[in-house]
Amino acid sequence: MARMAREYFVYMLSNRSGTLYVGVTNDLVRRVWQHKQGTNDGFTKRYRIDRLVWLESGGDVLVAIAREKQIKGWRREKKVSLIVAGNPAWDDLSAGWFDSTRG
């Protein structure tokens, strides 16, 4: 029986003020939904960080975790450069993912 390949996402979220959060997940849609709904207490709920502004994916969880830690260790300017390179307007990349009955 073939093992299904997993996909892992390293992502950055922001709020209207530009505060940044870096995370890793194997279910990006579910995780973004949780951030948008504020279901988990903590930093992202406290600062209403719910706009997906950058992401990358890969098939190796250890690589994804290492990348998350690498980005978390960067200065803000370097994180902003990464976002701007792919999303200069800082659009919410998850806009339209959820219908009006879910959020």
N, C-alpha and C. Protein backbone atom coordinates (compact mmCIF):
# COMPACT_ATOMS: atom_id res chain seq x y z
N MET A 1 0.84 -1.19 0.00
CA MET A 1 0.00 0.00 0.00
C MET A 1 0.89 1.25 0.00
N ALA A 2 0.64 2.14 -0.92
CA ALA A 2 1.45 3.35 -1.05
C ALA A 2 1.09 4.34 0.05
N ARG A 3 2.11 4.97 0.58
CA ARG A 3 1.91 5.98 1.60
C ARG A 3 1.59 7.31 0.93
N MET A 4 0.54 7.98 1.41
CA MET A 4 0.18 9.28 0.83
C MET A 4 1.21 10.33 1.23
N ALA A 5 1.61 11.12 0.27
CA ALA A 5 2.55 12.20 0.54
C ALA A 5 1.82 13.33 1.27
N ARG A 6 2.46 13.86 2.25
CA ARG A 6 1.92 15.00 2.99
C ARG A 6 2.51 16.28 2.44
N GLU A 7 1.79 17.34 2.66
CA GLU A 7 2.30 18.66 2.30
C GLU A 7 2.33 19.50 3.57
N TYR A 8 3.42 20.19 3.77
CA TYR A 8 3.60 21.04 4.96
C TYR A 8 3.79 22.48 4.51
N PHE A 9 3.22 23.38 5.27
CA PHE A 9 3.23 24.79 4.91
C PHE A 9 3.92 25.61 6.00
N VAL A 10 4.81 26.46 5.58
CA VAL A 10 5.35 27.51 6.44
C VAL A 10 4.65 28.78 5.98
N TYR A 11 4.14 29.55 6.91
CA TYR A 11 3.32 30.70 6.52
C TYR A 11 3.56 31.87 7.45
N MET A 12 3.22 33.06 6.93
CA MET A 12 3.24 34.26 7.74
C MET A 12 1.87 34.91 7.68
N LEU A 13 1.42 35.33 8.84
CA LEU A 13 0.18 36.07 8.98
C LEU A 13 0.51 37.47 9.47
N SER A 14 -0.41 38.38 9.21
CA SER A 14 -0.26 39.74 9.69
C SER A 14 -1.63 40.26 10.12
N ASN A 15 -1.62 41.43 10.72
CA ASN A 15 -2.88 42.12 11.03
C ASN A 15 -2.84 43.48 10.34
N ARG A 16 -3.82 44.30 10.58
CA ARG A 16 -3.88 45.60 9.91
C ARG A 16 -2.70 46.50 10.29
N SER A 17 -2.13 46.27 11.45
CA SER A 17 -1.00 47.08 11.92
C SER A 17 0.34 46.56 11.42
N GLY A 18 0.36 45.38 10.78
CA GLY A 18 1.60 44.84 10.24
C GLY A 18 2.37 43.95 11.19
N THR A 19 1.78 43.59 12.33
CA THR A 19 2.42 42.64 13.23
C THR A 19 2.51 41.29 12.52
N LEU A 20 3.63 40.60 12.67
CA LEU A 20 3.85 39.35 11.95
C LEU A 20 3.85 38.14 12.87
N TYR A 21 3.39 37.03 12.31
CA TYR A 21 3.42 35.73 12.99
C TYR A 21 3.87 34.70 11.97
N VAL A 22 4.78 33.82 12.36
CA VAL A 22 5.27 32.74 11.50
C VAL A 22 4.82 31.42 12.09
N GLY A 23 4.27 30.53 11.24
CA GLY A 23 3.82 29.24 11.71
C GLY A 23 4.08 28.15 10.69
N VAL A 24 3.81 26.91 11.11
CA VAL A 24 3.94 25.74 10.24
C VAL A 24 2.74 24.84 10.49
N THR A 25 2.23 24.20 9.43
CA THR A 25 1.07 23.33 9.56
C THR A 25 1.02 22.35 8.40
N ASN A 26 0.27 21.27 8.58
CA ASN A 26 0.03 20.34 7.47
C ASN A 26 -1.38 20.52 6.90
N ASP A 27 -2.14 21.46 7.44
CA ASP A 27 -3.49 21.75 6.95
C ASP A 27 -3.69 23.27 6.98
N LEU A 28 -3.25 23.91 5.91
CA LEU A 28 -3.24 25.37 5.87
C LEU A 28 -4.63 25.98 5.98
N VAL A 29 -5.60 25.42 5.29
CA VAL A 29 -6.96 25.97 5.32
C VAL A 29 -7.52 25.92 6.74
N ARG A 30 -7.39 24.77 7.40
CA ARG A 30 -7.89 24.63 8.78
C ARG A 30 -7.17 25.61 9.70
N ARG A 31 -5.86 25.72 9.55
CA ARG A 31 -5.08 26.57 10.45
C ARG A 31 -5.42 28.05 10.24
N VAL A 32 -5.55 28.48 9.01
CA VAL A 32 -5.94 29.87 8.75
C VAL A 32 -7.33 30.14 9.31
N TRP A 33 -8.24 29.19 9.14
CA TRP A 33 -9.60 29.32 9.72
C TRP A 33 -9.51 29.53 11.23
N GLN A 34 -8.67 28.74 11.90
CA GLN A 34 -8.51 28.87 13.35
C GLN A 34 -7.99 30.27 13.71
N HIS A 35 -7.03 30.75 12.96
CA HIS A 35 -6.51 32.10 13.24
C HIS A 35 -7.61 33.15 13.02
N LYS A 36 -8.36 33.03 11.94
CA LYS A 36 -9.40 34.01 11.64
C LYS A 36 -10.51 34.00 12.70
N GLN A 37 -10.80 32.82 13.24
CA GLN A 37 -11.87 32.71 14.24
C GLN A 37 -11.37 32.97 15.66
N GLY A 38 -10.06 33.01 15.85
CA GLY A 38 -9.51 33.21 17.19
C GLY A 38 -9.79 32.05 18.11
N THR A 39 -9.76 30.83 17.57
CA THR A 39 -10.12 29.65 18.38
C THR A 39 -9.03 29.27 19.37
N ASN A 40 -7.80 29.67 19.12
CA ASN A 40 -6.69 29.33 20.02
C ASN A 40 -6.22 30.58 20.74
N ASP A 41 -6.19 30.52 22.07
CA ASP A 41 -5.69 31.65 22.84
C ASP A 41 -4.21 31.85 22.55
N GLY A 42 -3.77 33.07 22.61
CA GLY A 42 -2.35 33.34 22.41
C GLY A 42 -2.12 34.60 21.59
N PHE A 43 -0.91 34.68 21.05
CA PHE A 43 -0.43 35.88 20.35
C PHE A 43 -1.34 36.29 19.21
N THR A 44 -1.69 35.35 18.32
CA THR A 44 -2.47 35.73 17.14
C THR A 44 -3.89 36.17 17.51
N LYS A 45 -4.45 35.58 18.54
CA LYS A 45 -5.79 36.00 18.97
C LYS A 45 -5.72 37.37 19.63
N ARG A 46 -4.73 37.55 20.49
CA ARG A 46 -4.60 38.81 21.23
C ARG A 46 -4.40 40.00 20.29
N TYR A 47 -3.63 39.80 19.22
CA TYR A 47 -3.34 40.90 18.30
C TYR A 47 -4.14 40.82 17.00
N ARG A 48 -5.13 39.95 16.95
CA ARG A 48 -6.01 39.78 15.78
C ARG A 48 -5.21 39.61 14.48
N ILE A 49 -4.26 38.69 14.53
CA ILE A 49 -3.41 38.41 13.38
C ILE A 49 -4.11 37.32 12.56
N ASP A 50 -4.69 37.73 11.42
CA ASP A 50 -5.55 36.80 10.69
C ASP A 50 -5.48 36.94 9.17
N ARG A 51 -4.46 37.63 8.67
CA ARG A 51 -4.31 37.82 7.23
C ARG A 51 -3.12 37.01 6.74
N LEU A 52 -3.36 36.04 5.89
CA LEU A 52 -2.29 35.23 5.32
C LEU A 52 -1.57 36.06 4.26
N VAL A 53 -0.30 36.39 4.51
CA VAL A 53 0.42 37.26 3.59
C VAL A 53 1.57 36.57 2.86
N TRP A 54 1.96 35.37 3.31
CA TRP A 54 3.05 34.64 2.65
C TRP A 54 2.97 33.17 3.03
N LEU A 55 3.36 32.30 2.09
CA LEU A 55 3.43 30.88 2.40
C LEU A 55 4.36 30.19 1.42
N GLU A 56 4.90 29.06 1.89
CA GLU A 56 5.61 28.15 1.01
C GLU A 56 5.31 26.74 1.49
N SER A 57 5.44 25.76 0.60
CA SER A 57 5.09 24.41 0.96
C SER A 57 6.17 23.44 0.53
N GLY A 58 6.13 22.27 1.15
CA GLY A 58 7.07 21.21 0.81
C GLY A 58 6.59 19.90 1.41
N GLY A 59 7.28 18.85 1.09
CA GLY A 59 6.84 17.52 1.51
C GLY A 59 7.55 16.93 2.71
N ASP A 60 8.46 17.69 3.32
CA ASP A 60 9.25 17.17 4.44
C ASP A 60 8.99 18.01 5.68
N VAL A 61 8.42 17.37 6.70
CA VAL A 61 8.05 18.10 7.91
C VAL A 61 9.27 18.67 8.60
N LEU A 62 10.39 17.96 8.60
CA LEU A 62 11.58 18.47 9.28
C LEU A 62 12.14 19.71 8.58
N VAL A 63 12.08 19.72 7.26
CA VAL A 63 12.51 20.89 6.50
C VAL A 63 11.59 22.07 6.80
N ALA A 64 10.29 21.80 6.87
CA ALA A 64 9.32 22.87 7.15
C ALA A 64 9.54 23.47 8.54
N ILE A 65 9.77 22.62 9.52
CA ILE A 65 9.99 23.10 10.89
C ILE A 65 11.29 23.90 10.95
N ALA A 66 12.33 23.43 10.28
CA ALA A 66 13.60 24.15 10.25
C ALA A 66 13.44 25.52 9.58
N ARG A 67 12.65 25.56 8.51
CA ARG A 67 12.41 26.82 7.80
C ARG A 67 11.63 27.79 8.68
N GLU A 68 10.62 27.28 9.39
CA GLU A 68 9.86 28.13 10.31
C GLU A 68 10.80 28.74 11.36
N LYS A 69 11.65 27.92 11.95
CA LYS A 69 12.59 28.42 12.97
C LYS A 69 13.56 29.43 12.37
N GLN A 70 14.02 29.16 11.14
CA GLN A 70 14.93 30.08 10.47
C GLN A 70 14.28 31.45 10.31
N ILE A 71 13.05 31.46 9.77
CA ILE A 71 12.35 32.73 9.53
C ILE A 71 12.03 33.43 10.84
N LYS A 72 11.63 32.68 11.85
CA LYS A 72 11.35 33.29 13.16
C LYS A 72 12.57 34.00 13.72
N GLY A 73 13.76 33.51 13.37
CA GLY A 73 15.00 34.12 13.86
C GLY A 73 15.44 35.36 13.09
N TRP A 74 14.80 35.61 11.97
CA TRP A 74 15.15 36.78 11.15
C TRP A 74 14.66 38.07 11.77
N ARG A 75 15.34 39.15 11.41
CA ARG A 75 14.85 40.49 11.75
C ARG A 75 13.60 40.78 10.92
N ARG A 76 12.79 41.68 11.42
CA ARG A 76 11.54 42.04 10.75
C ARG A 76 11.77 42.43 9.29
N GLU A 77 12.82 43.20 9.02
CA GLU A 77 13.07 43.69 7.66
C GLU A 77 13.22 42.55 6.67
N LYS A 78 13.87 41.48 7.08
CA LYS A 78 14.08 40.34 6.19
C LYS A 78 12.75 39.61 5.94
N LYS A 79 11.92 39.50 6.98
CA LYS A 79 10.59 38.88 6.82
C LYS A 79 9.74 39.71 5.86
N VAL A 80 9.78 41.02 6.03
CA VAL A 80 9.01 41.92 5.16
C VAL A 80 9.48 41.78 3.72
N SER A 81 10.78 41.67 3.50
CA SER A 81 11.30 41.50 2.14
C SER A 81 10.78 40.22 1.50
N LEU A 82 10.70 39.16 2.29
CA LEU A 82 10.18 37.89 1.78
C LEU A 82 8.71 38.03 1.38
N ILE A 83 7.93 38.71 2.19
CA ILE A 83 6.51 38.94 1.87
C ILE A 83 6.38 39.79 0.61
N VAL A 84 7.09 40.90 0.58
CA VAL A 84 6.96 41.86 -0.53
C VAL A 84 7.38 41.23 -1.86
N ALA A 85 8.35 40.32 -1.83
CA ALA A 85 8.81 39.67 -3.07
C ALA A 85 7.67 38.92 -3.76
N GLY A 86 6.77 38.34 -3.00
CA GLY A 86 5.67 37.58 -3.61
C GLY A 86 4.30 38.20 -3.46
N ASN A 87 4.17 39.18 -2.57
CA ASN A 87 2.87 39.77 -2.27
C ASN A 87 3.07 41.25 -1.91
N PRO A 88 3.47 42.06 -2.90
CA PRO A 88 3.84 43.45 -2.61
C PRO A 88 2.74 44.27 -1.94
N ALA A 89 1.49 43.96 -2.20
CA ALA A 89 0.38 44.72 -1.61
C ALA A 89 -0.05 44.17 -0.25
N TRP A 90 0.59 43.09 0.20
CA TRP A 90 0.23 42.44 1.46
C TRP A 90 -1.24 42.01 1.45
N ASP A 91 -1.71 41.55 0.29
CA ASP A 91 -3.09 41.06 0.20
C ASP A 91 -3.26 39.84 1.10
N ASP A 92 -4.49 39.63 1.56
CA ASP A 92 -4.81 38.41 2.32
C ASP A 92 -4.94 37.28 1.30
N LEU A 93 -3.96 36.39 1.28
CA LEU A 93 -3.95 35.30 0.30
C LEU A 93 -5.07 34.29 0.54
N SER A 94 -5.71 34.37 1.70
CA SER A 94 -6.80 33.45 1.99
C SER A 94 -8.18 34.09 1.75
N ALA A 95 -8.19 35.28 1.19
CA ALA A 95 -9.47 35.95 0.90
C ALA A 95 -10.30 35.06 -0.02
N GLY A 96 -11.55 34.84 0.34
CA GLY A 96 -12.43 34.02 -0.47
C GLY A 96 -12.38 32.53 -0.17
N TRP A 97 -11.52 32.11 0.75
CA TRP A 97 -11.43 30.68 1.08
C TRP A 97 -12.66 30.19 1.82
N PHE A 98 -13.28 31.06 2.57
CA PHE A 98 -14.38 30.64 3.45
C PHE A 98 -15.66 31.36 3.03
N ASP A 99 -16.74 30.62 2.93
CA ASP A 99 -18.02 31.25 2.54
C ASP A 99 -18.55 32.06 3.72
N SER A 100 -19.58 32.83 3.46
CA SER A 100 -20.09 33.75 4.47
C SER A 100 -20.67 33.05 5.70
N THR A 101 -21.03 31.76 5.57
CA THR A 101 -21.57 31.06 6.74
C THR A 101 -20.46 30.57 7.67
N ARG A 102 -19.22 30.51 7.15
CA ARG A 102 -18.09 30.07 7.99
C ARG A 102 -17.23 31.25 8.41
N GLY A 103 -17.30 32.36 7.77
CA GLY A 103 -16.45 33.48 8.17
C GLY A 103 -15.99 34.15 6.98
